[in-house]
Amino acid sequence: MRIDGPGLDALADLLKVESQPVFANIETSVIEPWFTQAFDLLETPSPSAPSRMHSTLASLVAFLYEHRFQDGSSPDDPVPGMLERPLLRMRIDYAQPLRLGDLAKLAGMSVSHFIRVFRRSMGTSPIDWLRRERINQAKHRLLESDEPVKEIARQCGYRDPYFFSKDFHKLVGMPPSLYRESERGKP
């Protein structure tokens, strides 16, 4: 099994994989369910498989993170302090039109330097990070409300519902309405 995608270098740095590639002292019985579930998802593809795989791998990574730092040590801060304000702004005001110039100003950088530092630290561009934040917010709203997809798109910063659906499908692997249907249908 291979995990691929943006931000993996930052994740590997956070988990100190280069200096400590082996996660020692983990009982096979503790970690086996994640792998079993992942392989089951690979063997029986379904419309919800990509999102379920994402959830399974996120849970596995969270476990590895907790295991790595269970001794009270802490990871090196993967986010430079200068990016804290722009990231907070994108998390809080994700539905608002945000300009790179304004975010760079919050970081005290030029736009080009901000983009380089952000990409190096976060593993993706500020625009892609914001898109993912908006889609994550939309996923929550799709499951927690019965509002039309068009309204959820607007609430998450998309002026064009068609573009929202296209972006959602690209990042999640299925259209918003199918995501809502498949995730709500789970026991």
N, C-alpha and C. Protein backbone atom coordinates (compact mmCIF):
# COMPACT_ATOMS: atom_id res chain seq x y z
N MET A 1 0.86 -1.17 0.00
CA MET A 1 0.00 0.00 0.00
C MET A 1 0.90 1.23 0.00
N ARG A 2 0.51 2.23 -0.73
CA ARG A 2 1.27 3.46 -0.81
C ARG A 2 0.34 4.63 -0.55
N ILE A 3 0.77 5.57 0.24
CA ILE A 3 0.01 6.79 0.49
C ILE A 3 0.70 7.88 -0.31
N ASP A 4 -0.09 8.62 -1.07
CA ASP A 4 0.46 9.64 -1.94
C ASP A 4 -0.38 10.89 -1.84
N GLY A 5 0.23 12.04 -2.03
CA GLY A 5 -0.53 13.28 -2.04
C GLY A 5 0.28 14.44 -1.52
N PRO A 6 -0.30 15.65 -1.62
CA PRO A 6 0.42 16.83 -1.16
C PRO A 6 0.55 16.82 0.36
N GLY A 7 1.62 17.35 0.85
CA GLY A 7 1.80 17.49 2.28
C GLY A 7 2.47 16.31 2.96
N LEU A 8 2.78 15.25 2.20
CA LEU A 8 3.37 14.07 2.84
C LEU A 8 4.79 14.33 3.35
N ASP A 9 5.53 15.21 2.68
CA ASP A 9 6.86 15.54 3.17
C ASP A 9 6.76 16.20 4.54
N ALA A 10 5.81 17.12 4.67
CA ALA A 10 5.62 17.80 5.96
C ALA A 10 5.18 16.80 7.03
N LEU A 11 4.31 15.86 6.65
CA LEU A 11 3.86 14.83 7.59
C LEU A 11 5.02 13.93 8.01
N ALA A 12 5.84 13.53 7.05
CA ALA A 12 7.01 12.69 7.37
C ALA A 12 7.96 13.44 8.30
N ASP A 13 8.15 14.73 8.06
CA ASP A 13 8.99 15.53 8.96
C ASP A 13 8.39 15.59 10.35
N LEU A 14 7.08 15.79 10.43
CA LEU A 14 6.39 15.88 11.71
C LEU A 14 6.54 14.58 12.50
N LEU A 15 6.42 13.45 11.82
CA LEU A 15 6.54 12.15 12.48
C LEU A 15 7.99 11.69 12.64
N LYS A 16 8.94 12.51 12.18
CA LYS A 16 10.38 12.22 12.29
C LYS A 16 10.73 10.88 11.63
N VAL A 17 10.13 10.62 10.48
CA VAL A 17 10.31 9.34 9.78
C VAL A 17 11.75 9.16 9.30
N GLU A 18 12.38 10.25 8.88
CA GLU A 18 13.74 10.11 8.36
C GLU A 18 14.72 9.65 9.44
N SER A 19 14.60 10.22 10.64
CA SER A 19 15.52 9.83 11.70
C SER A 19 15.05 8.60 12.47
N GLN A 20 13.72 8.35 12.47
CA GLN A 20 13.16 7.19 13.18
C GLN A 20 12.14 6.49 12.27
N PRO A 21 12.61 5.75 11.25
CA PRO A 21 11.68 5.18 10.27
C PRO A 21 10.79 4.07 10.82
N VAL A 22 11.17 3.46 11.92
CA VAL A 22 10.40 2.35 12.47
C VAL A 22 9.61 2.83 13.68
N PHE A 23 8.33 2.46 13.72
CA PHE A 23 7.48 2.75 14.88
C PHE A 23 7.55 1.51 15.76
N ALA A 24 8.47 1.52 16.71
CA ALA A 24 8.74 0.35 17.55
C ALA A 24 7.65 0.17 18.61
N ASN A 25 7.58 -1.05 19.10
CA ASN A 25 6.71 -1.40 20.22
C ASN A 25 5.22 -1.22 19.94
N ILE A 26 4.81 -1.44 18.71
CA ILE A 26 3.38 -1.42 18.40
C ILE A 26 2.96 -2.87 18.18
N GLU A 27 2.00 -3.30 18.96
CA GLU A 27 1.49 -4.66 18.82
C GLU A 27 0.76 -4.79 17.48
N THR A 28 0.99 -5.88 16.80
CA THR A 28 0.34 -6.14 15.51
C THR A 28 -1.18 -6.10 15.65
N SER A 29 -1.69 -6.63 16.73
CA SER A 29 -3.15 -6.68 16.92
C SER A 29 -3.76 -5.29 17.04
N VAL A 30 -2.97 -4.31 17.48
CA VAL A 30 -3.48 -2.94 17.63
C VAL A 30 -3.59 -2.26 16.27
N ILE A 31 -2.62 -2.49 15.42
CA ILE A 31 -2.56 -1.77 14.15
C ILE A 31 -3.22 -2.51 12.99
N GLU A 32 -3.41 -3.80 13.13
CA GLU A 32 -3.96 -4.63 12.06
C GLU A 32 -5.33 -4.17 11.55
N PRO A 33 -6.26 -3.75 12.41
CA PRO A 33 -7.58 -3.35 11.89
C PRO A 33 -7.54 -2.24 10.84
N TRP A 34 -6.62 -1.29 10.97
CA TRP A 34 -6.53 -0.23 9.97
C TRP A 34 -6.12 -0.80 8.61
N PHE A 35 -5.17 -1.70 8.62
CA PHE A 35 -4.72 -2.29 7.36
C PHE A 35 -5.79 -3.20 6.76
N THR A 36 -6.46 -3.94 7.61
CA THR A 36 -7.55 -4.80 7.13
C THR A 36 -8.63 -3.96 6.46
N GLN A 37 -9.02 -2.87 7.13
CA GLN A 37 -10.04 -2.01 6.55
C GLN A 37 -9.57 -1.38 5.24
N ALA A 38 -8.33 -0.95 5.19
CA ALA A 38 -7.80 -0.35 3.96
C ALA A 38 -7.79 -1.36 2.82
N PHE A 39 -7.35 -2.58 3.08
CA PHE A 39 -7.33 -3.60 2.03
C PHE A 39 -8.74 -3.98 1.60
N ASP A 40 -9.67 -4.05 2.55
CA ASP A 40 -11.07 -4.33 2.20
C ASP A 40 -11.61 -3.25 1.27
N LEU A 41 -11.28 -2.01 1.55
CA LEU A 41 -11.75 -0.90 0.69
C LEU A 41 -11.14 -0.98 -0.70
N LEU A 42 -9.90 -1.42 -0.78
CA LEU A 42 -9.25 -1.57 -2.09
C LEU A 42 -9.87 -2.72 -2.89
N GLU A 43 -10.29 -3.77 -2.19
CA GLU A 43 -10.84 -4.94 -2.87
C GLU A 43 -12.29 -4.76 -3.29
N THR A 44 -13.04 -3.95 -2.59
CA THR A 44 -14.46 -3.75 -2.91
C THR A 44 -14.74 -2.27 -3.12
N PRO A 45 -14.38 -1.74 -4.28
CA PRO A 45 -14.58 -0.32 -4.53
C PRO A 45 -16.07 0.05 -4.50
N SER A 46 -16.33 1.24 -3.98
CA SER A 46 -17.69 1.77 -3.94
C SER A 46 -17.60 3.28 -4.06
N PRO A 47 -18.73 3.95 -4.25
CA PRO A 47 -18.67 5.42 -4.34
C PRO A 47 -18.11 6.07 -3.08
N SER A 48 -18.30 5.44 -1.93
CA SER A 48 -17.81 6.04 -0.69
C SER A 48 -16.40 5.58 -0.33
N ALA A 49 -15.82 4.67 -1.10
CA ALA A 49 -14.51 4.12 -0.77
C ALA A 49 -13.42 5.18 -0.63
N PRO A 50 -13.32 6.17 -1.53
CA PRO A 50 -12.25 7.16 -1.35
C PRO A 50 -12.35 7.93 -0.03
N SER A 51 -13.56 8.34 0.34
CA SER A 51 -13.68 9.09 1.59
C SER A 51 -13.46 8.17 2.79
N ARG A 52 -13.90 6.91 2.71
CA ARG A 52 -13.67 5.97 3.80
C ARG A 52 -12.19 5.64 3.92
N MET A 53 -11.49 5.54 2.79
CA MET A 53 -10.05 5.29 2.82
C MET A 53 -9.33 6.47 3.46
N HIS A 54 -9.75 7.68 3.10
CA HIS A 54 -9.17 8.88 3.69
C HIS A 54 -9.33 8.84 5.21
N SER A 55 -10.52 8.50 5.66
CA SER A 55 -10.79 8.44 7.10
C SER A 55 -9.94 7.37 7.77
N THR A 56 -9.82 6.22 7.15
CA THR A 56 -9.02 5.12 7.71
C THR A 56 -7.55 5.53 7.84
N LEU A 57 -7.00 6.11 6.78
CA LEU A 57 -5.60 6.51 6.81
C LEU A 57 -5.36 7.66 7.78
N ALA A 58 -6.31 8.59 7.86
CA ALA A 58 -6.17 9.70 8.82
C ALA A 58 -6.16 9.16 10.24
N SER A 59 -7.00 8.18 10.51
CA SER A 59 -7.03 7.58 11.84
C SER A 59 -5.72 6.85 12.14
N LEU A 60 -5.19 6.15 11.16
CA LEU A 60 -3.91 5.46 11.32
C LEU A 60 -2.78 6.47 11.60
N VAL A 61 -2.74 7.54 10.84
CA VAL A 61 -1.70 8.56 11.03
C VAL A 61 -1.85 9.20 12.41
N ALA A 62 -3.08 9.45 12.85
CA ALA A 62 -3.29 10.02 14.19
C ALA A 62 -2.75 9.07 15.26
N PHE A 63 -3.01 7.77 15.09
CA PHE A 63 -2.48 6.79 16.04
C PHE A 63 -0.95 6.82 16.04
N LEU A 64 -0.34 6.83 14.85
CA LEU A 64 1.12 6.86 14.78
C LEU A 64 1.68 8.12 15.42
N TYR A 65 1.00 9.23 15.22
CA TYR A 65 1.43 10.49 15.82
C TYR A 65 1.41 10.37 17.35
N GLU A 66 0.28 9.88 17.89
CA GLU A 66 0.17 9.73 19.34
C GLU A 66 1.22 8.74 19.87
N HIS A 67 1.45 7.67 19.13
CA HIS A 67 2.44 6.68 19.54
C HIS A 67 3.85 7.29 19.54
N ARG A 68 4.14 8.06 18.52
CA ARG A 68 5.48 8.64 18.38
C ARG A 68 5.80 9.58 19.55
N PHE A 69 4.80 10.30 20.05
CA PHE A 69 5.06 11.31 21.07
C PHE A 69 4.41 10.96 22.42
N GLN A 70 4.19 9.67 22.66
CA GLN A 70 3.57 9.24 23.91
C GLN A 70 4.47 9.46 25.12
N ASP A 71 5.76 9.64 24.90
CA ASP A 71 6.68 9.83 26.02
C ASP A 71 6.70 11.25 26.54
N GLY A 72 5.83 12.09 26.00
CA GLY A 72 5.78 13.48 26.46
C GLY A 72 6.59 14.42 25.61
N SER A 73 7.39 13.87 24.69
CA SER A 73 8.12 14.76 23.78
C SER A 73 7.10 15.39 22.85
N SER A 74 7.52 16.42 22.17
CA SER A 74 6.59 17.06 21.24
C SER A 74 7.26 17.21 19.89
N PRO A 75 6.45 17.23 18.85
CA PRO A 75 7.03 17.38 17.51
C PRO A 75 7.56 18.80 17.33
N ASP A 76 8.49 18.92 16.42
CA ASP A 76 8.91 20.26 16.05
C ASP A 76 7.72 20.95 15.41
N ASP A 77 7.56 22.22 15.66
CA ASP A 77 6.42 22.95 15.10
C ASP A 77 6.58 23.02 13.59
N PRO A 78 5.72 22.33 12.83
CA PRO A 78 5.87 22.30 11.39
C PRO A 78 5.43 23.60 10.72
N VAL A 79 4.73 24.44 11.45
CA VAL A 79 4.24 25.69 10.88
C VAL A 79 5.04 26.85 11.46
N PRO A 80 5.78 27.54 10.62
CA PRO A 80 6.50 28.72 11.12
C PRO A 80 5.52 29.74 11.69
N GLY A 81 5.94 30.42 12.74
CA GLY A 81 5.09 31.41 13.40
C GLY A 81 4.52 32.45 12.45
N MET A 82 5.28 32.78 11.43
CA MET A 82 4.81 33.82 10.49
C MET A 82 3.60 33.37 9.68
N LEU A 83 3.33 32.06 9.64
CA LEU A 83 2.17 31.57 8.89
C LEU A 83 0.93 31.39 9.77
N GLU A 84 1.09 31.54 11.08
CA GLU A 84 -0.04 31.32 11.98
C GLU A 84 -1.21 32.26 11.69
N ARG A 85 -0.94 33.54 11.52
CA ARG A 85 -2.03 34.50 11.28
C ARG A 85 -2.74 34.26 9.95
N PRO A 86 -1.99 34.04 8.85
CA PRO A 86 -2.70 33.74 7.59
C PRO A 86 -3.51 32.44 7.67
N LEU A 87 -2.97 31.41 8.32
CA LEU A 87 -3.70 30.15 8.45
C LEU A 87 -4.97 30.34 9.28
N LEU A 88 -4.87 31.07 10.35
CA LEU A 88 -6.05 31.35 11.18
C LEU A 88 -7.10 32.10 10.38
N ARG A 89 -6.65 33.07 9.62
CA ARG A 89 -7.58 33.84 8.78
C ARG A 89 -8.29 32.94 7.76
N MET A 90 -7.53 32.02 7.14
CA MET A 90 -8.13 31.11 6.16
C MET A 90 -9.08 30.13 6.83
N ARG A 91 -8.77 29.72 8.05
CA ARG A 91 -9.66 28.79 8.76
C ARG A 91 -10.96 29.47 9.18
N ILE A 92 -10.86 30.70 9.63
CA ILE A 92 -12.04 31.41 10.13
C ILE A 92 -12.86 32.01 8.98
N ASP A 93 -12.20 32.64 8.04
CA ASP A 93 -12.88 33.36 6.96
C ASP A 93 -12.85 32.59 5.64
N TYR A 94 -12.89 31.27 5.70
CA TYR A 94 -12.79 30.45 4.50
C TYR A 94 -13.87 30.78 3.46
N ALA A 95 -15.02 31.26 3.90
CA ALA A 95 -16.11 31.54 2.96
C ALA A 95 -15.97 32.91 2.29
N GLN A 96 -15.06 33.71 2.79
CA GLN A 96 -14.86 35.05 2.23
C GLN A 96 -13.85 35.01 1.09
N PRO A 97 -13.96 35.95 0.16
CA PRO A 97 -12.91 36.03 -0.87
C PRO A 97 -11.61 36.52 -0.22
N LEU A 98 -10.61 35.70 -0.25
CA LEU A 98 -9.32 36.05 0.37
C LEU A 98 -8.29 36.26 -0.73
N ARG A 99 -7.54 37.32 -0.60
CA ARG A 99 -6.51 37.63 -1.60
C ARG A 99 -5.14 37.27 -1.06
N LEU A 100 -4.30 36.76 -1.95
CA LEU A 100 -2.94 36.39 -1.56
C LEU A 100 -2.18 37.57 -0.97
N GLY A 101 -2.41 38.75 -1.51
CA GLY A 101 -1.73 39.95 -1.01
C GLY A 101 -2.06 40.21 0.45
N ASP A 102 -3.32 40.03 0.81
CA ASP A 102 -3.74 40.25 2.20
C ASP A 102 -3.14 39.19 3.13
N LEU A 103 -3.13 37.94 2.67
CA LEU A 103 -2.55 36.88 3.48
C LEU A 103 -1.05 37.07 3.65
N ALA A 104 -0.38 37.47 2.57
CA ALA A 104 1.06 37.72 2.63
C ALA A 104 1.37 38.87 3.59
N LYS A 105 0.52 39.86 3.58
CA LYS A 105 0.68 41.01 4.48
C LYS A 105 0.56 40.56 5.94
N LEU A 106 -0.39 39.67 6.22
CA LEU A 106 -0.53 39.14 7.58
C LEU A 106 0.74 38.41 8.03
N ALA A 107 1.42 37.78 7.07
CA ALA A 107 2.66 37.06 7.37
C ALA A 107 3.88 37.97 7.36
N GLY A 108 3.68 39.21 6.90
CA GLY A 108 4.80 40.14 6.81
C GLY A 108 5.77 39.79 5.70
N MET A 109 5.23 39.32 4.57
CA MET A 109 6.07 38.88 3.45
C MET A 109 5.53 39.42 2.14
N SER A 110 6.37 39.35 1.13
CA SER A 110 5.89 39.62 -0.22
C SER A 110 5.05 38.43 -0.65
N VAL A 111 4.23 38.61 -1.67
CA VAL A 111 3.36 37.52 -2.12
C VAL A 111 4.18 36.31 -2.58
N SER A 112 5.22 36.54 -3.38
CA SER A 112 6.00 35.42 -3.89
C SER A 112 6.72 34.68 -2.77
N HIS A 113 7.26 35.41 -1.79
CA HIS A 113 7.94 34.76 -0.67
C HIS A 113 6.93 33.99 0.19
N PHE A 114 5.76 34.58 0.40
CA PHE A 114 4.70 33.92 1.17
C PHE A 114 4.31 32.59 0.52
N ILE A 115 4.14 32.60 -0.79
CA ILE A 115 3.77 31.36 -1.51
C ILE A 115 4.85 30.31 -1.34
N ARG A 116 6.12 30.70 -1.48
CA ARG A 116 7.23 29.74 -1.32
C ARG A 116 7.28 29.16 0.10
N VAL A 117 7.20 30.04 1.11
CA VAL A 117 7.27 29.58 2.50
C VAL A 117 6.06 28.70 2.83
N PHE A 118 4.89 29.10 2.36
CA PHE A 118 3.68 28.32 2.62
C PHE A 118 3.79 26.94 1.99
N ARG A 119 4.20 26.88 0.74
CA ARG A 119 4.33 25.60 0.04
C ARG A 119 5.35 24.70 0.74
N ARG A 120 6.47 25.27 1.13
CA ARG A 120 7.52 24.48 1.80
C ARG A 120 7.02 23.96 3.16
N SER A 121 6.27 24.76 3.89
CA SER A 121 5.80 24.37 5.22
C SER A 121 4.57 23.48 5.19
N MET A 122 3.64 23.76 4.29
CA MET A 122 2.35 23.08 4.29
C MET A 122 2.23 22.00 3.22
N GLY A 123 3.19 21.97 2.29
CA GLY A 123 3.15 20.95 1.25
C GLY A 123 2.20 21.24 0.11
N THR A 124 1.62 22.42 0.10
CA THR A 124 0.68 22.82 -0.94
C THR A 124 0.64 24.34 -1.02
N SER A 125 0.03 24.86 -2.05
CA SER A 125 -0.07 26.30 -2.19
C SER A 125 -1.17 26.85 -1.26
N PRO A 126 -1.13 28.15 -0.95
CA PRO A 126 -2.19 28.72 -0.12
C PRO A 126 -3.58 28.54 -0.74
N ILE A 127 -3.67 28.68 -2.06
CA ILE A 127 -4.96 28.55 -2.74
C ILE A 127 -5.48 27.12 -2.62
N ASP A 128 -4.62 26.13 -2.84
CA ASP A 128 -5.06 24.74 -2.70
C ASP A 128 -5.42 24.41 -1.26
N TRP A 129 -4.68 24.95 -0.30
CA TRP A 129 -5.00 24.72 1.10
C TRP A 129 -6.39 25.28 1.41
N LEU A 130 -6.67 26.48 0.92
CA LEU A 130 -7.97 27.11 1.14
C LEU A 130 -9.08 26.29 0.46
N ARG A 131 -8.83 25.81 -0.74
CA ARG A 131 -9.82 24.96 -1.43
C ARG A 131 -10.15 23.74 -0.59
N ARG A 132 -9.13 23.08 -0.05
CA ARG A 132 -9.35 21.90 0.78
C ARG A 132 -10.11 22.25 2.06
N GLU A 133 -9.81 23.39 2.64
CA GLU A 133 -10.53 23.83 3.84
C GLU A 133 -12.01 24.05 3.50
N ARG A 134 -12.27 24.68 2.38
CA ARG A 134 -13.65 24.92 1.97
C ARG A 134 -14.39 23.60 1.71
N ILE A 135 -13.74 22.68 1.06
CA ILE A 135 -14.37 21.39 0.77
C ILE A 135 -14.59 20.61 2.06
N ASN A 136 -13.66 20.66 3.00
CA ASN A 136 -13.86 19.99 4.29
C ASN A 136 -15.05 20.57 5.03
N GLN A 137 -15.18 21.88 5.00
CA GLN A 137 -16.34 22.53 5.62
C GLN A 137 -17.63 22.10 4.93
N ALA A 138 -17.58 22.01 3.62
CA ALA A 138 -18.75 21.59 2.85
C ALA A 138 -19.13 20.15 3.20
N LYS A 139 -18.15 19.28 3.38
CA LYS A 139 -18.43 17.89 3.73
C LYS A 139 -19.20 17.83 5.05
N HIS A 140 -18.77 18.62 6.02
CA HIS A 140 -19.48 18.66 7.31
C HIS A 140 -20.91 19.16 7.13
N ARG A 141 -21.08 20.20 6.36
CA ARG A 141 -22.42 20.79 6.17
C ARG A 141 -23.34 19.84 5.40
N LEU A 142 -22.77 19.12 4.44
CA LEU A 142 -23.58 18.17 3.69
C LEU A 142 -24.15 17.08 4.60
N LEU A 143 -23.38 16.69 5.58
CA LEU A 143 -23.83 15.62 6.48
C LEU A 143 -24.70 16.13 7.62
N GLU A 144 -24.49 17.38 8.02
CA GLU A 144 -25.19 17.90 9.19
C GLU A 144 -26.44 18.69 8.87
N SER A 145 -26.70 18.96 7.60
CA SER A 145 -27.88 19.74 7.26
C SER A 145 -28.55 19.16 6.02
N ASP A 146 -29.76 19.63 5.77
CA ASP A 146 -30.49 19.24 4.56
C ASP A 146 -30.53 20.37 3.54
N GLU A 147 -29.70 21.37 3.75
CA GLU A 147 -29.68 22.50 2.83
C GLU A 147 -29.27 22.04 1.44
N PRO A 148 -29.77 22.72 0.42
CA PRO A 148 -29.39 22.36 -0.95
C PRO A 148 -27.89 22.54 -1.18
N VAL A 149 -27.36 21.74 -2.07
CA VAL A 149 -25.93 21.82 -2.40
C VAL A 149 -25.56 23.23 -2.84
N LYS A 150 -26.43 23.87 -3.57
CA LYS A 150 -26.18 25.24 -4.04
C LYS A 150 -25.95 26.19 -2.87
N GLU A 151 -26.73 26.04 -1.81
CA GLU A 151 -26.59 26.91 -0.63
C GLU A 151 -25.32 26.59 0.13
N ILE A 152 -24.99 25.32 0.24
CA ILE A 152 -23.75 24.93 0.93
C ILE A 152 -22.55 25.46 0.16
N ALA A 153 -22.61 25.41 -1.15
CA ALA A 153 -21.53 25.96 -1.97
C ALA A 153 -21.33 27.44 -1.65
N ARG A 154 -22.42 28.18 -1.58
CA ARG A 154 -22.34 29.62 -1.27
C ARG A 154 -21.76 29.84 0.12
N GLN A 155 -22.21 29.06 1.10
CA GLN A 155 -21.73 29.20 2.47
C GLN A 155 -20.24 28.89 2.61
N CYS A 156 -19.72 28.12 1.69
CA CYS A 156 -18.32 27.71 1.76
C CYS A 156 -17.42 28.51 0.82
N GLY A 157 -17.94 29.60 0.29
CA GLY A 157 -17.09 30.49 -0.49
C GLY A 157 -17.11 30.28 -1.99
N TYR A 158 -18.01 29.47 -2.49
CA TYR A 158 -18.11 29.24 -3.94
C TYR A 158 -19.30 30.04 -4.48
N ARG A 159 -19.03 30.91 -5.40
CA ARG A 159 -20.12 31.68 -6.01
C ARG A 159 -20.85 30.88 -7.09
N ASP A 160 -20.15 29.94 -7.68
CA ASP A 160 -20.71 29.14 -8.77
C ASP A 160 -20.92 27.70 -8.30
N PRO A 161 -22.18 27.26 -8.14
CA PRO A 161 -22.44 25.90 -7.66
C PRO A 161 -21.86 24.82 -8.58
N TYR A 162 -21.83 25.09 -9.89
CA TYR A 162 -21.26 24.11 -10.82
C TYR A 162 -19.77 23.93 -10.54
N PHE A 163 -19.05 25.03 -10.34
CA PHE A 163 -17.62 24.95 -10.05
C PHE A 163 -17.40 24.24 -8.71
N PHE A 164 -18.26 24.52 -7.73
CA PHE A 164 -18.17 23.84 -6.44
C PHE A 164 -18.30 22.34 -6.63
N SER A 165 -19.31 21.90 -7.37
CA SER A 165 -19.52 20.46 -7.58
C SER A 165 -18.32 19.83 -8.28
N LYS A 166 -17.79 20.54 -9.25
CA LYS A 166 -16.62 20.05 -9.99
C LYS A 166 -15.40 19.94 -9.07
N ASP A 167 -15.18 20.98 -8.25
CA ASP A 167 -14.06 21.00 -7.31
C ASP A 167 -14.24 19.91 -6.24
N PHE A 168 -15.44 19.77 -5.74
CA PHE A 168 -15.75 18.76 -4.73
C PHE A 168 -15.45 17.36 -5.28
N HIS A 169 -15.93 17.10 -6.48
CA HIS A 169 -15.71 15.80 -7.12
C HIS A 169 -14.22 15.53 -7.30
N LYS A 170 -13.49 16.55 -7.69
CA LYS A 170 -12.06 16.41 -7.93
C LYS A 170 -11.32 16.05 -6.63
N LEU A 171 -11.70 16.67 -5.51
CA LEU A 171 -10.99 16.46 -4.25
C LEU A 171 -11.51 15.27 -3.44
N VAL A 172 -12.79 14.95 -3.57
CA VAL A 172 -13.40 13.91 -2.75
C VAL A 172 -13.61 12.61 -3.53
N GLY A 173 -13.72 12.73 -4.85
CA GLY A 173 -13.89 11.53 -5.66
C GLY A 173 -15.33 11.22 -6.03
N MET A 174 -16.24 12.11 -5.64
CA MET A 174 -17.65 11.94 -5.99
C MET A 174 -18.35 13.28 -5.86
N PRO A 175 -19.49 13.45 -6.53
CA PRO A 175 -20.23 14.71 -6.43
C PRO A 175 -20.79 14.91 -5.01
N PRO A 176 -21.07 16.16 -4.62
CA PRO A 176 -21.56 16.44 -3.27
C PRO A 176 -22.84 15.68 -2.92
N SER A 177 -23.78 15.61 -3.83
CA SER A 177 -25.05 14.93 -3.52
C SER A 177 -24.83 13.44 -3.27
N LEU A 178 -23.95 12.81 -4.03
CA LEU A 178 -23.64 11.39 -3.83
C LEU A 178 -22.88 11.19 -2.52
N TYR A 179 -21.99 12.12 -2.20
CA TYR A 179 -21.26 12.05 -0.93
C TYR A 179 -22.25 12.09 0.23
N ARG A 180 -23.19 13.02 0.19
CA ARG A 180 -24.19 13.14 1.25
C ARG A 180 -24.98 11.83 1.39
N GLU A 181 -25.42 11.32 0.26
CA GLU A 181 -26.22 10.10 0.25
C GLU A 181 -25.43 8.91 0.79
N SER A 182 -24.20 8.73 0.32
CA SER A 182 -23.41 7.56 0.72
C SER A 182 -22.97 7.64 2.17
N GLU A 183 -22.59 8.81 2.65
CA GLU A 183 -22.12 8.95 4.02
C GLU A 183 -23.27 8.87 5.03
N ARG A 184 -24.41 9.36 4.66
CA ARG A 184 -25.57 9.28 5.56
C ARG A 184 -26.11 7.85 5.62
N GLY A 185 -25.88 7.07 4.60
CA GLY A 185 -26.36 5.71 4.55
C GLY A 185 -25.55 4.73 5.37
N LYS A 186 -24.41 5.20 5.92
CA LYS A 186 -23.55 4.30 6.70
C LYS A 186 -24.16 4.06 8.06
N PRO A 187 -23.96 2.85 8.59
CA PRO A 187 -24.50 2.57 9.94
C PRO A 187 -23.79 3.33 11.01
